[in-house]
Amino acid sequence: MRLRFIYLGMIAEVAGHAGHADILAEQVQAAPSTHLHRPAVSEASHLWHQAERTVASDSPAD
């Protein structure tokens, strides 16, 4: 088995799990507020996306 096929399989697995995490996050955010609601989760999500934008803007253009 060639290394590139192993890499492609790993990338597909990671992408699938990331997609599942996005679906769960959307469901949690759309759920009605309960005593389990944690505002820190949305704050952490906001900080994560802000960091992604910072890294993307710091990357040199090709």
N, C-alpha and C. Protein backbone atom coordinates (compact mmCIF):
# COMPACT_ATOMS: atom_id res chain seq x y z
N MET A 1 0.86 -1.18 0.00
CA MET A 1 0.00 0.00 0.00
C MET A 1 0.90 1.24 0.00
N ARG A 2 0.57 2.16 -0.84
CA ARG A 2 1.40 3.36 -0.95
C ARG A 2 1.05 4.35 0.16
N LEU A 3 2.06 5.11 0.51
CA LEU A 3 1.91 6.07 1.60
C LEU A 3 0.83 7.11 1.31
N ARG A 4 0.70 7.51 0.06
CA ARG A 4 -0.30 8.53 -0.25
C ARG A 4 -1.72 8.03 0.00
N PHE A 5 -1.97 6.73 -0.20
CA PHE A 5 -3.30 6.18 0.08
C PHE A 5 -3.57 6.15 1.58
N ILE A 6 -2.51 5.90 2.35
CA ILE A 6 -2.66 5.94 3.81
C ILE A 6 -3.00 7.37 4.25
N TYR A 7 -2.27 8.33 3.69
CA TYR A 7 -2.54 9.73 4.02
C TYR A 7 -3.96 10.14 3.62
N LEU A 8 -4.38 9.73 2.44
CA LEU A 8 -5.73 10.07 1.99
C LEU A 8 -6.79 9.47 2.92
N GLY A 9 -6.56 8.24 3.36
CA GLY A 9 -7.50 7.62 4.30
C GLY A 9 -7.55 8.36 5.62
N MET A 10 -6.38 8.78 6.11
CA MET A 10 -6.33 9.52 7.37
C MET A 10 -7.02 10.87 7.24
N ILE A 11 -6.80 11.54 6.13
CA ILE A 11 -7.44 12.84 5.90
C ILE A 11 -8.96 12.69 5.84
N ALA A 12 -9.42 11.65 5.15
CA ALA A 12 -10.87 11.41 5.05
C ALA A 12 -11.47 11.14 6.43
N GLU A 13 -10.78 10.36 7.26
CA GLU A 13 -11.27 10.07 8.60
C GLU A 13 -11.36 11.34 9.44
N VAL A 14 -10.31 12.14 9.42
CA VAL A 14 -10.30 13.38 10.21
C VAL A 14 -11.39 14.33 9.73
N ALA A 15 -11.56 14.44 8.42
CA ALA A 15 -12.60 15.32 7.87
C ALA A 15 -13.98 14.85 8.30
N GLY A 16 -14.20 13.55 8.31
CA GLY A 16 -15.50 13.02 8.73
C GLY A 16 -15.79 13.34 10.18
N HIS A 17 -14.79 13.18 11.04
CA HIS A 17 -14.99 13.48 12.45
C HIS A 17 -15.19 14.97 12.69
N ALA A 18 -14.48 15.80 11.94
CA ALA A 18 -14.66 17.25 12.06
C ALA A 18 -16.08 17.64 11.65
N GLY A 19 -16.59 17.00 10.62
CA GLY A 19 -17.97 17.27 10.19
C GLY A 19 -18.98 16.89 11.25
N HIS A 20 -18.74 15.75 11.91
CA HIS A 20 -19.64 15.34 12.98
C HIS A 20 -19.60 16.33 14.14
N ALA A 21 -18.41 16.82 14.45
CA ALA A 21 -18.29 17.79 15.54
C ALA A 21 -19.03 19.09 15.20
N ASP A 22 -18.97 19.52 13.95
CA ASP A 22 -19.70 20.72 13.53
C ASP A 22 -21.20 20.54 13.68
N ILE A 23 -21.69 19.37 13.29
CA ILE A 23 -23.13 19.09 13.41
C ILE A 23 -23.56 19.12 14.87
N LEU A 24 -22.77 18.49 15.73
CA LEU A 24 -23.10 18.48 17.16
C LEU A 24 -23.07 19.89 17.74
N ALA A 25 -22.08 20.67 17.36
CA ALA A 25 -21.98 22.04 17.87
C ALA A 25 -23.19 22.87 17.45
N GLU A 26 -23.63 22.70 16.20
CA GLU A 26 -24.81 23.44 15.73
C GLU A 26 -26.06 23.01 16.49
N GLN A 27 -26.18 21.72 16.78
CA GLN A 27 -27.34 21.23 17.51
C GLN A 27 -27.34 21.76 18.94
N VAL A 28 -26.19 21.81 19.56
CA VAL A 28 -26.09 22.32 20.93
C VAL A 28 -26.44 23.81 20.96
N GLN A 29 -25.94 24.56 20.00
CA GLN A 29 -26.20 26.00 19.97
C GLN A 29 -27.67 26.30 19.68
N ALA A 30 -28.34 25.43 18.92
CA ALA A 30 -29.74 25.65 18.58
C ALA A 30 -30.69 25.14 19.65
N ALA A 31 -30.19 24.35 20.60
CA ALA A 31 -31.04 23.78 21.64
C ALA A 31 -31.53 24.89 22.57
N PRO A 32 -32.74 24.74 23.11
CA PRO A 32 -33.24 25.73 24.07
C PRO A 32 -32.36 25.76 25.32
N SER A 33 -32.29 26.91 25.93
CA SER A 33 -31.46 27.05 27.13
C SER A 33 -31.98 26.18 28.26
N THR A 34 -31.06 25.53 28.92
CA THR A 34 -31.37 24.72 30.10
C THR A 34 -30.33 25.02 31.16
N HIS A 35 -30.42 24.33 32.25
CA HIS A 35 -29.43 24.52 33.30
C HIS A 35 -28.05 24.00 32.87
N LEU A 36 -27.99 23.25 31.78
CA LEU A 36 -26.72 22.73 31.28
C LEU A 36 -26.04 23.69 30.31
N HIS A 37 -26.71 24.79 29.97
CA HIS A 37 -26.14 25.74 29.01
C HIS A 37 -24.89 26.37 29.61
N ARG A 38 -23.83 26.36 28.83
CA ARG A 38 -22.57 26.92 29.30
C ARG A 38 -22.13 28.02 28.33
N PRO A 39 -22.25 29.28 28.70
CA PRO A 39 -21.83 30.36 27.82
C PRO A 39 -20.35 30.29 27.46
N ALA A 40 -19.55 29.64 28.31
CA ALA A 40 -18.12 29.53 28.03
C ALA A 40 -17.86 28.77 26.74
N VAL A 41 -18.76 27.87 26.37
CA VAL A 41 -18.58 27.11 25.14
C VAL A 41 -18.64 28.05 23.94
N SER A 42 -19.63 28.93 23.90
CA SER A 42 -19.72 29.86 22.77
C SER A 42 -18.55 30.84 22.79
N GLU A 43 -18.09 31.22 23.96
CA GLU A 43 -16.92 32.10 24.07
C GLU A 43 -15.68 31.40 23.54
N ALA A 44 -15.51 30.13 23.89
CA ALA A 44 -14.37 29.37 23.40
C ALA A 44 -14.44 29.22 21.88
N SER A 45 -15.64 29.00 21.37
CA SER A 45 -15.82 28.89 19.93
C SER A 45 -15.45 30.20 19.24
N HIS A 46 -15.87 31.31 19.82
CA HIS A 46 -15.55 32.62 19.27
C HIS A 46 -14.03 32.83 19.25
N LEU A 47 -13.36 32.49 20.34
CA LEU A 47 -11.91 32.66 20.42
C LEU A 47 -11.21 31.77 19.41
N TRP A 48 -11.73 30.55 19.22
CA TRP A 48 -11.14 29.62 18.25
C TRP A 48 -11.21 30.21 16.84
N HIS A 49 -12.37 30.71 16.45
CA HIS A 49 -12.52 31.26 15.11
C HIS A 49 -11.69 32.53 14.95
N GLN A 50 -11.57 33.31 16.01
CA GLN A 50 -10.75 34.52 15.95
C GLN A 50 -9.29 34.13 15.73
N ALA A 51 -8.83 33.08 16.41
CA ALA A 51 -7.45 32.61 16.23
C ALA A 51 -7.23 32.09 14.82
N GLU A 52 -8.22 31.39 14.27
CA GLU A 52 -8.10 30.89 12.89
C GLU A 52 -7.94 32.05 11.91
N ARG A 53 -8.73 33.11 12.11
CA ARG A 53 -8.63 34.26 11.21
C ARG A 53 -7.27 34.94 11.35
N THR A 54 -6.75 35.01 12.56
CA THR A 54 -5.45 35.63 12.79
C THR A 54 -4.35 34.85 12.09
N VAL A 55 -4.39 33.53 12.23
CA VAL A 55 -3.39 32.68 11.59
C VAL A 55 -3.49 32.81 10.07
N ALA A 56 -4.71 32.82 9.55
CA ALA A 56 -4.90 32.93 8.11
C ALA A 56 -4.40 34.27 7.58
N SER A 57 -4.61 35.33 8.35
CA SER A 57 -4.17 36.65 7.88
C SER A 57 -2.65 36.82 8.02
N ASP A 58 -2.03 36.07 8.93
CA ASP A 58 -0.58 36.13 9.11
C ASP A 58 0.17 35.28 8.09
N SER A 59 -0.53 34.37 7.42
CA SER A 59 0.11 33.49 6.44
C SER A 59 0.53 34.31 5.22
N PRO A 60 1.74 34.03 4.72
CA PRO A 60 2.16 34.77 3.51
C PRO A 60 1.34 34.34 2.30
N ALA A 61 1.07 35.28 1.44
CA ALA A 61 0.30 34.99 0.22
C ALA A 61 1.20 34.27 -0.77
N ASP A 62 0.62 33.35 -1.51
CA ASP A 62 1.40 32.60 -2.51
C ASP A 62 1.54 33.39 -3.78
